[in-house]
Amino acid sequence: MNVVSTKEKYIKTVVPEMESKFGYGNIMAVPKIYKVVVNVGIGKIGREGDKAQEIFEYVKVITGQKPVKTKAKKAIAGFKTREGMEVGIKVTLRGERMWSFIDRLINVTLSRTRDFQGIPVSSVDSSGNLNIGIREHIIFPEVSPEHVKTIFGLQITVTSTAKNNKEGMEFYRLLGFPIKKN
């Protein structure tokens, strides 16, 4: 059985189909994925040092790249945050790591999500970017559920060069993202 990677699929099928469907005059006008950002808001958990470090390590394992801790720019009393306090963890993936992550996301991870019926159409914004919220990080194959102490959710943003929602929607469908039909 010969499995085609998402990058190969993009080059061999997505580019020609997008060119014919949208009538691009140049191959460089076809949308491409620019980056993937994985973000975890740690909020209250951030005040507990060991749990924040555990989340940091899991994000590192899931993405294959060392994350960056994001800090609050200003104090907000309602959220009990102080300026400079760690409020999140994020990773920006580009190049081969990005394509590897997208492969695992489409082919393995999303299918392991409980009650998954597809990515909602509203997840593609007006600029052609895809935003996916995942409630439990244990759906990733790199994470062993038996050893997990803290379950956390994460936000995945796939940034593309698509110009609008319609173009982005078709682009992600051709790539293999399971987007719901209207």
N, C-alpha and C. Protein backbone atom coordinates (compact mmCIF):
# COMPACT_ATOMS: atom_id res chain seq x y z
N MET A 1 0.84 -1.18 0.00
CA MET A 1 0.00 0.00 0.00
C MET A 1 0.89 1.24 0.00
N ASN A 2 0.65 2.13 -0.94
CA ASN A 2 1.45 3.34 -1.06
C ASN A 2 0.67 4.53 -0.53
N VAL A 3 1.11 5.08 0.59
CA VAL A 3 0.43 6.21 1.21
C VAL A 3 1.06 7.51 0.70
N VAL A 4 0.22 8.41 0.22
CA VAL A 4 0.69 9.68 -0.31
C VAL A 4 0.67 10.72 0.80
N SER A 5 1.78 11.41 1.00
CA SER A 5 1.82 12.45 2.04
C SER A 5 1.01 13.65 1.59
N THR A 6 0.63 14.48 2.53
CA THR A 6 -0.17 15.67 2.23
C THR A 6 0.61 16.63 1.34
N LYS A 7 1.91 16.71 1.52
CA LYS A 7 2.73 17.60 0.69
C LYS A 7 2.74 17.13 -0.77
N GLU A 8 2.89 15.82 -0.98
CA GLU A 8 2.85 15.25 -2.33
C GLU A 8 1.48 15.46 -2.96
N LYS A 9 0.43 15.27 -2.15
CA LYS A 9 -0.94 15.46 -2.62
C LYS A 9 -1.14 16.91 -3.06
N TYR A 10 -0.58 17.85 -2.29
CA TYR A 10 -0.68 19.27 -2.64
C TYR A 10 -0.05 19.53 -4.01
N ILE A 11 1.15 19.01 -4.21
CA ILE A 11 1.88 19.26 -5.46
C ILE A 11 1.21 18.59 -6.65
N LYS A 12 0.79 17.31 -6.49
CA LYS A 12 0.29 16.53 -7.63
C LYS A 12 -1.19 16.74 -7.95
N THR A 13 -2.04 16.96 -6.94
CA THR A 13 -3.47 17.06 -7.23
C THR A 13 -4.09 18.41 -6.89
N VAL A 14 -3.74 18.97 -5.73
CA VAL A 14 -4.39 20.21 -5.28
C VAL A 14 -4.05 21.38 -6.20
N VAL A 15 -2.77 21.56 -6.52
CA VAL A 15 -2.36 22.69 -7.37
C VAL A 15 -3.06 22.66 -8.73
N PRO A 16 -3.03 21.52 -9.47
CA PRO A 16 -3.72 21.50 -10.77
C PRO A 16 -5.23 21.73 -10.66
N GLU A 17 -5.87 21.13 -9.63
CA GLU A 17 -7.32 21.30 -9.48
C GLU A 17 -7.69 22.74 -9.13
N MET A 18 -6.93 23.36 -8.25
CA MET A 18 -7.20 24.75 -7.87
C MET A 18 -6.96 25.68 -9.07
N GLU A 19 -5.93 25.38 -9.87
CA GLU A 19 -5.64 26.19 -11.07
C GLU A 19 -6.80 26.13 -12.05
N SER A 20 -7.33 24.93 -12.28
CA SER A 20 -8.43 24.80 -13.25
C SER A 20 -9.74 25.36 -12.70
N LYS A 21 -10.00 25.17 -11.40
CA LYS A 21 -11.26 25.62 -10.82
C LYS A 21 -11.34 27.14 -10.68
N PHE A 22 -10.24 27.78 -10.26
CA PHE A 22 -10.26 29.22 -10.03
C PHE A 22 -9.59 30.03 -11.14
N GLY A 23 -9.02 29.35 -12.14
CA GLY A 23 -8.45 30.02 -13.30
C GLY A 23 -7.26 30.92 -13.00
N TYR A 24 -6.35 30.44 -12.18
CA TYR A 24 -5.16 31.23 -11.88
C TYR A 24 -4.27 31.29 -13.12
N GLY A 25 -3.68 32.45 -13.37
CA GLY A 25 -2.79 32.61 -14.52
C GLY A 25 -1.38 32.12 -14.24
N ASN A 26 -1.06 31.95 -12.97
CA ASN A 26 0.29 31.59 -12.57
C ASN A 26 0.21 30.54 -11.46
N ILE A 27 1.11 29.59 -11.49
CA ILE A 27 1.12 28.53 -10.47
C ILE A 27 1.38 29.10 -9.07
N MET A 28 2.07 30.22 -9.00
CA MET A 28 2.37 30.85 -7.70
C MET A 28 1.14 31.50 -7.06
N ALA A 29 0.08 31.67 -7.83
CA ALA A 29 -1.15 32.27 -7.31
C ALA A 29 -2.00 31.25 -6.55
N VAL A 30 -1.71 29.96 -6.72
CA VAL A 30 -2.45 28.91 -6.02
C VAL A 30 -2.15 29.01 -4.53
N PRO A 31 -3.18 28.94 -3.67
CA PRO A 31 -2.95 29.03 -2.22
C PRO A 31 -2.01 27.94 -1.73
N LYS A 32 -1.23 28.28 -0.72
CA LYS A 32 -0.36 27.30 -0.08
C LYS A 32 -0.39 27.54 1.42
N ILE A 33 -0.05 26.51 2.17
CA ILE A 33 -0.03 26.66 3.62
C ILE A 33 1.27 27.36 4.00
N TYR A 34 1.12 28.44 4.75
CA TYR A 34 2.25 29.28 5.14
C TYR A 34 2.84 28.82 6.47
N LYS A 35 1.96 28.55 7.45
CA LYS A 35 2.41 28.10 8.76
C LYS A 35 1.26 27.46 9.53
N VAL A 36 1.61 26.73 10.58
CA VAL A 36 0.63 26.15 11.50
C VAL A 36 1.04 26.60 12.90
N VAL A 37 0.09 27.19 13.63
CA VAL A 37 0.35 27.63 15.00
C VAL A 37 -0.48 26.79 15.95
N VAL A 38 0.17 26.18 16.94
CA VAL A 38 -0.50 25.41 17.98
C VAL A 38 -0.41 26.23 19.26
N ASN A 39 -1.56 26.55 19.85
CA ASN A 39 -1.61 27.42 21.02
C ASN A 39 -2.40 26.77 22.15
N VAL A 40 -1.88 26.89 23.37
CA VAL A 40 -2.57 26.40 24.56
C VAL A 40 -2.63 27.54 25.57
N GLY A 41 -3.83 27.89 26.00
CA GLY A 41 -3.98 28.87 27.07
C GLY A 41 -3.91 28.15 28.40
N ILE A 42 -3.01 28.57 29.29
CA ILE A 42 -2.85 27.83 30.54
C ILE A 42 -3.56 28.47 31.73
N GLY A 43 -3.95 29.71 31.63
CA GLY A 43 -4.77 30.37 32.65
C GLY A 43 -4.44 30.04 34.08
N LYS A 44 -5.43 29.49 34.81
CA LYS A 44 -5.28 29.16 36.24
C LYS A 44 -4.17 28.13 36.46
N ILE A 45 -4.05 27.21 35.54
CA ILE A 45 -3.04 26.15 35.67
C ILE A 45 -1.64 26.75 35.67
N GLY A 46 -1.48 27.89 35.01
CA GLY A 46 -0.17 28.54 34.94
C GLY A 46 0.38 28.93 36.30
N ARG A 47 -0.50 29.10 37.27
CA ARG A 47 -0.05 29.45 38.62
C ARG A 47 0.53 28.23 39.35
N GLU A 48 0.18 27.04 38.88
CA GLU A 48 0.72 25.81 39.45
C GLU A 48 1.89 25.36 38.56
N GLY A 49 3.09 25.55 39.01
CA GLY A 49 4.29 25.34 38.20
C GLY A 49 4.44 23.98 37.56
N ASP A 50 4.14 22.90 38.30
CA ASP A 50 4.35 21.56 37.77
C ASP A 50 3.39 21.23 36.63
N LYS A 51 2.14 21.69 36.71
CA LYS A 51 1.17 21.41 35.65
C LYS A 51 1.51 22.19 34.38
N ALA A 52 1.95 23.43 34.54
CA ALA A 52 2.34 24.24 33.38
C ALA A 52 3.53 23.59 32.67
N GLN A 53 4.46 23.06 33.44
CA GLN A 53 5.63 22.39 32.85
C GLN A 53 5.21 21.10 32.14
N GLU A 54 4.23 20.39 32.70
CA GLU A 54 3.71 19.16 32.07
C GLU A 54 3.08 19.49 30.72
N ILE A 55 2.28 20.56 30.67
CA ILE A 55 1.66 20.99 29.41
C ILE A 55 2.73 21.37 28.40
N PHE A 56 3.75 22.08 28.86
CA PHE A 56 4.87 22.49 28.01
C PHE A 56 5.51 21.26 27.35
N GLU A 57 5.75 20.22 28.15
CA GLU A 57 6.37 18.99 27.64
C GLU A 57 5.47 18.26 26.65
N TYR A 58 4.15 18.21 26.93
CA TYR A 58 3.23 17.55 26.01
C TYR A 58 3.14 18.27 24.67
N VAL A 59 3.12 19.60 24.69
CA VAL A 59 3.08 20.37 23.44
C VAL A 59 4.36 20.12 22.65
N LYS A 60 5.47 20.00 23.35
CA LYS A 60 6.76 19.70 22.72
C LYS A 60 6.72 18.33 22.03
N VAL A 61 6.12 17.34 22.70
CA VAL A 61 6.02 15.98 22.15
C VAL A 61 5.06 15.95 20.96
N ILE A 62 3.92 16.62 21.08
CA ILE A 62 2.90 16.63 20.03
C ILE A 62 3.42 17.28 18.75
N THR A 63 4.12 18.41 18.88
CA THR A 63 4.55 19.17 17.70
C THR A 63 5.95 18.81 17.21
N GLY A 64 6.78 18.25 18.09
CA GLY A 64 8.15 17.93 17.69
C GLY A 64 9.06 19.15 17.70
N GLN A 65 8.64 20.20 18.37
CA GLN A 65 9.40 21.45 18.41
C GLN A 65 9.22 22.10 19.78
N LYS A 66 10.25 22.77 20.27
CA LYS A 66 10.17 23.41 21.58
C LYS A 66 9.22 24.60 21.54
N PRO A 67 8.22 24.63 22.44
CA PRO A 67 7.27 25.74 22.47
C PRO A 67 7.85 27.00 23.12
N VAL A 68 7.11 28.09 22.97
CA VAL A 68 7.45 29.37 23.59
C VAL A 68 6.35 29.69 24.59
N LYS A 69 6.73 30.15 25.77
CA LYS A 69 5.73 30.56 26.77
C LYS A 69 5.33 32.00 26.46
N THR A 70 4.01 32.25 26.35
CA THR A 70 3.54 33.60 26.09
C THR A 70 3.19 34.26 27.41
N LYS A 71 3.44 35.55 27.49
CA LYS A 71 3.23 36.29 28.73
C LYS A 71 2.17 37.36 28.53
N ALA A 72 1.46 37.70 29.61
CA ALA A 72 0.42 38.73 29.57
C ALA A 72 1.07 40.09 29.32
N LYS A 73 0.49 40.85 28.38
CA LYS A 73 1.03 42.18 28.07
C LYS A 73 0.63 43.21 29.11
N LYS A 74 -0.56 43.00 29.70
CA LYS A 74 -0.98 43.92 30.76
C LYS A 74 -1.83 43.16 31.78
N ALA A 75 -1.96 43.74 32.96
CA ALA A 75 -2.72 43.11 34.04
C ALA A 75 -4.22 43.29 33.80
N ILE A 76 -4.98 42.20 34.00
CA ILE A 76 -6.44 42.25 33.89
C ILE A 76 -6.99 41.62 35.17
N ALA A 77 -7.64 42.45 36.00
CA ALA A 77 -8.13 42.00 37.30
C ALA A 77 -9.18 40.89 37.17
N GLY A 78 -10.05 40.98 36.17
CA GLY A 78 -11.10 39.98 35.98
C GLY A 78 -10.56 38.58 35.73
N PHE A 79 -9.39 38.50 35.09
CA PHE A 79 -8.76 37.20 34.82
C PHE A 79 -7.67 36.87 35.83
N LYS A 80 -7.49 37.76 36.82
CA LYS A 80 -6.46 37.59 37.85
C LYS A 80 -5.07 37.40 37.24
N THR A 81 -4.76 38.22 36.25
CA THR A 81 -3.44 38.15 35.63
C THR A 81 -2.65 39.41 35.96
N ARG A 82 -1.36 39.25 35.99
CA ARG A 82 -0.43 40.36 36.19
C ARG A 82 0.40 40.51 34.92
N GLU A 83 0.93 41.69 34.71
CA GLU A 83 1.79 41.92 33.56
C GLU A 83 3.02 41.01 33.65
N GLY A 84 3.33 40.32 32.56
CA GLY A 84 4.48 39.43 32.53
C GLY A 84 4.20 38.01 33.00
N MET A 85 2.99 37.75 33.45
CA MET A 85 2.61 36.41 33.93
C MET A 85 2.44 35.47 32.74
N GLU A 86 2.87 34.21 32.87
CA GLU A 86 2.73 33.24 31.78
C GLU A 86 1.26 32.86 31.63
N VAL A 87 0.72 33.08 30.42
CA VAL A 87 -0.70 32.79 30.18
C VAL A 87 -0.92 31.77 29.07
N GLY A 88 0.13 31.38 28.37
CA GLY A 88 -0.06 30.44 27.28
C GLY A 88 1.25 29.82 26.81
N ILE A 89 1.08 28.83 25.94
CA ILE A 89 2.22 28.15 25.33
C ILE A 89 1.89 28.03 23.85
N LYS A 90 2.84 28.40 22.98
CA LYS A 90 2.56 28.29 21.55
C LYS A 90 3.77 27.79 20.77
N VAL A 91 3.48 27.19 19.62
CA VAL A 91 4.50 26.71 18.71
C VAL A 91 4.10 27.12 17.30
N THR A 92 5.04 27.63 16.53
CA THR A 92 4.80 27.95 15.12
C THR A 92 5.59 26.94 14.30
N LEU A 93 4.88 26.19 13.46
CA LEU A 93 5.51 25.16 12.62
C LEU A 93 5.57 25.63 11.17
N ARG A 94 6.71 25.44 10.55
CA ARG A 94 6.88 25.76 9.13
C ARG A 94 7.69 24.63 8.50
N GLY A 95 7.68 24.55 7.18
CA GLY A 95 8.51 23.58 6.47
C GLY A 95 8.08 22.13 6.68
N GLU A 96 9.07 21.24 6.79
CA GLU A 96 8.80 19.81 6.90
C GLU A 96 8.03 19.44 8.17
N ARG A 97 8.35 20.08 9.28
CA ARG A 97 7.62 19.80 10.54
C ARG A 97 6.15 20.15 10.39
N MET A 98 5.87 21.23 9.67
CA MET A 98 4.49 21.64 9.43
C MET A 98 3.75 20.57 8.63
N TRP A 99 4.36 20.11 7.53
CA TRP A 99 3.71 19.10 6.69
C TRP A 99 3.54 17.78 7.45
N SER A 100 4.51 17.41 8.27
CA SER A 100 4.41 16.20 9.08
C SER A 100 3.25 16.31 10.08
N PHE A 101 3.13 17.47 10.72
CA PHE A 101 2.06 17.70 11.69
C PHE A 101 0.70 17.65 11.00
N ILE A 102 0.58 18.28 9.83
CA ILE A 102 -0.69 18.28 9.08
C ILE A 102 -1.07 16.86 8.68
N ASP A 103 -0.08 16.07 8.24
CA ASP A 103 -0.32 14.66 7.90
C ASP A 103 -0.94 13.92 9.08
N ARG A 104 -0.31 14.03 10.25
CA ARG A 104 -0.79 13.34 11.45
C ARG A 104 -2.15 13.88 11.88
N LEU A 105 -2.36 15.18 11.74
CA LEU A 105 -3.63 15.79 12.13
C LEU A 105 -4.78 15.25 11.28
N ILE A 106 -4.60 15.24 9.96
CA ILE A 106 -5.66 14.79 9.04
C ILE A 106 -5.89 13.29 9.13
N ASN A 107 -4.82 12.51 9.07
CA ASN A 107 -4.95 11.06 8.93
C ASN A 107 -5.15 10.30 10.23
N VAL A 108 -4.69 10.83 11.35
CA VAL A 108 -4.78 10.08 12.60
C VAL A 108 -5.58 10.81 13.68
N THR A 109 -5.16 12.01 14.00
CA THR A 109 -5.68 12.71 15.17
C THR A 109 -7.16 13.03 15.09
N LEU A 110 -7.61 13.67 14.01
CA LEU A 110 -9.02 14.07 13.93
C LEU A 110 -9.96 12.88 13.99
N SER A 111 -9.54 11.74 13.43
CA SER A 111 -10.40 10.56 13.46
C SER A 111 -10.49 9.95 14.87
N ARG A 112 -9.54 10.28 15.74
CA ARG A 112 -9.56 9.77 17.12
C ARG A 112 -10.39 10.65 18.05
N THR A 113 -10.88 11.78 17.54
CA THR A 113 -11.67 12.70 18.35
C THR A 113 -13.03 12.09 18.64
N ARG A 114 -13.46 12.20 19.89
CA ARG A 114 -14.75 11.65 20.30
C ARG A 114 -15.88 12.43 19.62
N ASP A 115 -16.88 11.74 19.08
CA ASP A 115 -18.05 12.32 18.42
C ASP A 115 -17.68 13.29 17.30
N PHE A 116 -16.62 12.99 16.56
CA PHE A 116 -16.17 13.90 15.50
C PHE A 116 -17.01 13.70 14.24
N GLN A 117 -17.60 14.79 13.74
CA GLN A 117 -18.43 14.72 12.54
C GLN A 117 -17.92 15.65 11.45
N GLY A 118 -16.72 16.13 11.58
CA GLY A 118 -16.14 17.02 10.59
C GLY A 118 -15.86 18.39 11.18
N ILE A 119 -15.02 19.13 10.49
CA ILE A 119 -14.69 20.49 10.92
C ILE A 119 -15.80 21.41 10.43
N PRO A 120 -16.37 22.25 11.31
CA PRO A 120 -17.45 23.15 10.87
C PRO A 120 -16.98 24.13 9.80
N VAL A 121 -17.90 24.49 8.90
CA VAL A 121 -17.60 25.44 7.83
C VAL A 121 -17.15 26.78 8.40
N SER A 122 -17.69 27.14 9.56
CA SER A 122 -17.34 28.41 10.20
C SER A 122 -15.90 28.46 10.69
N SER A 123 -15.18 27.35 10.65
CA SER A 123 -13.79 27.32 11.08
C SER A 123 -12.84 27.97 10.08
N VAL A 124 -13.31 28.16 8.84
CA VAL A 124 -12.50 28.85 7.84
C VAL A 124 -12.92 30.32 7.84
N ASP A 125 -11.97 31.21 8.14
CA ASP A 125 -12.31 32.63 8.23
C ASP A 125 -12.30 33.32 6.87
N SER A 126 -12.59 34.62 6.85
CA SER A 126 -12.71 35.37 5.60
C SER A 126 -11.37 35.54 4.88
N SER A 127 -10.26 35.27 5.56
CA SER A 127 -8.94 35.36 4.93
C SER A 127 -8.45 34.00 4.45
N GLY A 128 -9.28 32.95 4.60
CA GLY A 128 -8.90 31.62 4.13
C GLY A 128 -8.04 30.84 5.11
N ASN A 129 -8.04 31.21 6.38
CA ASN A 129 -7.29 30.47 7.40
C ASN A 129 -8.22 29.50 8.13
N LEU A 130 -7.68 28.37 8.56
CA LEU A 130 -8.47 27.34 9.23
C LEU A 130 -8.13 27.32 10.71
N ASN A 131 -9.16 27.38 11.57
CA ASN A 131 -8.98 27.34 13.02
C ASN A 131 -9.69 26.12 13.58
N ILE A 132 -8.94 25.28 14.27
CA ILE A 132 -9.50 24.06 14.84
C ILE A 132 -9.26 24.06 16.34
N GLY A 133 -10.32 23.89 17.11
CA GLY A 133 -10.20 23.78 18.56
C GLY A 133 -10.28 22.32 18.96
N ILE A 134 -9.34 21.86 19.75
CA ILE A 134 -9.33 20.47 20.21
C ILE A 134 -9.49 20.49 21.72
N ARG A 135 -10.49 19.76 22.22
CA ARG A 135 -10.81 19.78 23.66
C ARG A 135 -9.85 18.95 24.51
N GLU A 136 -9.38 17.84 23.97
CA GLU A 136 -8.52 16.95 24.76
C GLU A 136 -7.25 16.64 23.97
N HIS A 137 -6.11 16.88 24.56
CA HIS A 137 -4.85 16.63 23.87
C HIS A 137 -4.52 15.14 23.75
N ILE A 138 -5.26 14.30 24.46
CA ILE A 138 -4.96 12.86 24.45
C ILE A 138 -5.34 12.18 23.14
N ILE A 139 -5.97 12.91 22.21
CA ILE A 139 -6.29 12.30 20.91
C ILE A 139 -5.06 12.18 20.02
N PHE A 140 -3.97 12.86 20.37
CA PHE A 140 -2.74 12.76 19.58
C PHE A 140 -2.06 11.43 19.87
N PRO A 141 -1.58 10.73 18.84
CA PRO A 141 -0.98 9.41 19.05
C PRO A 141 0.31 9.44 19.87
N GLU A 142 0.96 10.60 19.95
CA GLU A 142 2.21 10.71 20.71
C GLU A 142 1.98 10.72 22.22
N VAL A 143 0.73 10.95 22.63
CA VAL A 143 0.41 11.06 24.05
C VAL A 143 -0.21 9.75 24.54
N SER A 144 0.37 9.20 25.60
CA SER A 144 -0.15 7.98 26.21
C SER A 144 -1.15 8.37 27.30
N PRO A 145 -2.45 8.08 27.12
CA PRO A 145 -3.47 8.52 28.08
C PRO A 145 -3.27 8.00 29.51
N GLU A 146 -2.58 6.88 29.68
CA GLU A 146 -2.39 6.31 31.01
C GLU A 146 -1.53 7.19 31.91
N HIS A 147 -0.59 7.92 31.31
CA HIS A 147 0.37 8.70 32.09
C HIS A 147 -0.03 10.17 32.25
N VAL A 148 -1.18 10.56 31.70
CA VAL A 148 -1.60 11.96 31.71
C VAL A 148 -2.23 12.32 33.05
N LYS A 149 -1.77 13.43 33.64
CA LYS A 149 -2.34 13.92 34.90
C LYS A 149 -3.31 15.06 34.63
N THR A 150 -3.01 15.89 33.65
CA THR A 150 -3.82 17.06 33.32
C THR A 150 -4.26 16.98 31.87
N ILE A 151 -5.57 17.05 31.62
CA ILE A 151 -6.08 17.08 30.24
C ILE A 151 -6.32 18.54 29.89
N PHE A 152 -5.81 18.96 28.74
CA PHE A 152 -5.98 20.34 28.31
C PHE A 152 -6.38 20.39 26.84
N GLY A 153 -6.97 21.50 26.45
CA GLY A 153 -7.35 21.71 25.06
C GLY A 153 -6.33 22.57 24.35
N LEU A 154 -6.39 22.57 23.03
CA LEU A 154 -5.48 23.41 22.28
C LEU A 154 -6.13 23.94 21.01
N GLN A 155 -5.59 25.02 20.52
CA GLN A 155 -6.09 25.69 19.32
C GLN A 155 -5.05 25.51 18.22
N ILE A 156 -5.50 25.05 17.05
CA ILE A 156 -4.60 24.90 15.91
C ILE A 156 -5.07 25.85 14.82
N THR A 157 -4.17 26.71 14.36
CA THR A 157 -4.48 27.65 13.29
C THR A 157 -3.60 27.32 12.10
N VAL A 158 -4.24 27.01 10.96
CA VAL A 158 -3.52 26.74 9.73
C VAL A 158 -3.65 27.99 8.87
N THR A 159 -2.54 28.68 8.66
CA THR A 159 -2.53 29.94 7.91
C THR A 159 -2.14 29.66 6.46
N SER A 160 -2.99 30.10 5.54
CA SER A 160 -2.72 29.88 4.12
C SER A 160 -2.69 31.21 3.38
N THR A 161 -2.30 31.15 2.12
CA THR A 161 -2.28 32.36 1.29
C THR A 161 -3.58 32.51 0.50
N ALA A 162 -4.61 31.74 0.85
CA ALA A 162 -5.91 31.86 0.18
C ALA A 162 -6.46 33.27 0.40
N LYS A 163 -7.13 33.80 -0.62
CA LYS A 163 -7.58 35.19 -0.57
C LYS A 163 -8.93 35.37 0.13
N ASN A 164 -9.77 34.34 0.11
CA ASN A 164 -11.09 34.48 0.72
C ASN A 164 -11.58 33.14 1.27
N ASN A 165 -12.76 33.16 1.86
CA ASN A 165 -13.35 31.99 2.50
C ASN A 165 -13.59 30.86 1.49
N LYS A 166 -14.18 31.19 0.35
CA LYS A 166 -14.53 30.17 -0.66
C LYS A 166 -13.28 29.45 -1.17
N GLU A 167 -12.25 30.23 -1.47
CA GLU A 167 -10.99 29.68 -1.96
C GLU A 167 -10.34 28.80 -0.88
N GLY A 168 -10.35 29.28 0.35
CA GLY A 168 -9.77 28.53 1.46
C GLY A 168 -10.50 27.23 1.73
N MET A 169 -11.83 27.29 1.68
CA MET A 169 -12.65 26.09 1.92
C MET A 169 -12.32 24.99 0.91
N GLU A 170 -12.29 25.35 -0.36
CA GLU A 170 -11.99 24.38 -1.42
C GLU A 170 -10.56 23.84 -1.26
N PHE A 171 -9.65 24.72 -0.93
CA PHE A 171 -8.24 24.35 -0.74
C PHE A 171 -8.10 23.29 0.37
N TYR A 172 -8.74 23.53 1.51
CA TYR A 172 -8.64 22.58 2.63
C TYR A 172 -9.35 21.26 2.32
N ARG A 173 -10.46 21.33 1.61
CA ARG A 173 -11.16 20.08 1.23
C ARG A 173 -10.28 19.24 0.31
N LEU A 174 -9.64 19.88 -0.67
CA LEU A 174 -8.77 19.15 -1.59
C LEU A 174 -7.55 18.56 -0.87
N LEU A 175 -7.07 19.25 0.14
CA LEU A 175 -5.93 18.74 0.91
C LEU A 175 -6.30 17.52 1.75
N GLY A 176 -7.60 17.37 2.05
CA GLY A 176 -8.04 16.21 2.82
C GLY A 176 -8.58 16.52 4.19
N PHE A 177 -8.70 17.80 4.54
CA PHE A 177 -9.30 18.15 5.83
C PHE A 177 -10.78 17.78 5.79
N PRO A 178 -11.29 17.10 6.81
CA PRO A 178 -12.70 16.67 6.82
C PRO A 178 -13.65 17.81 7.19
N ILE A 179 -13.89 18.72 6.24
CA ILE A 179 -14.78 19.86 6.49
C ILE A 179 -16.20 19.44 6.15
N LYS A 180 -17.15 19.78 7.05
CA LYS A 180 -18.56 19.42 6.86
C LYS A 180 -19.11 20.07 5.59
N LYS A 181 -20.08 19.40 4.99
CA LYS A 181 -20.81 19.99 3.87
C LYS A 181 -21.84 20.95 4.44
N ASN A 182 -22.19 21.99 3.69
CA ASN A 182 -23.17 22.99 4.17
C ASN A 182 -24.49 22.37 4.50
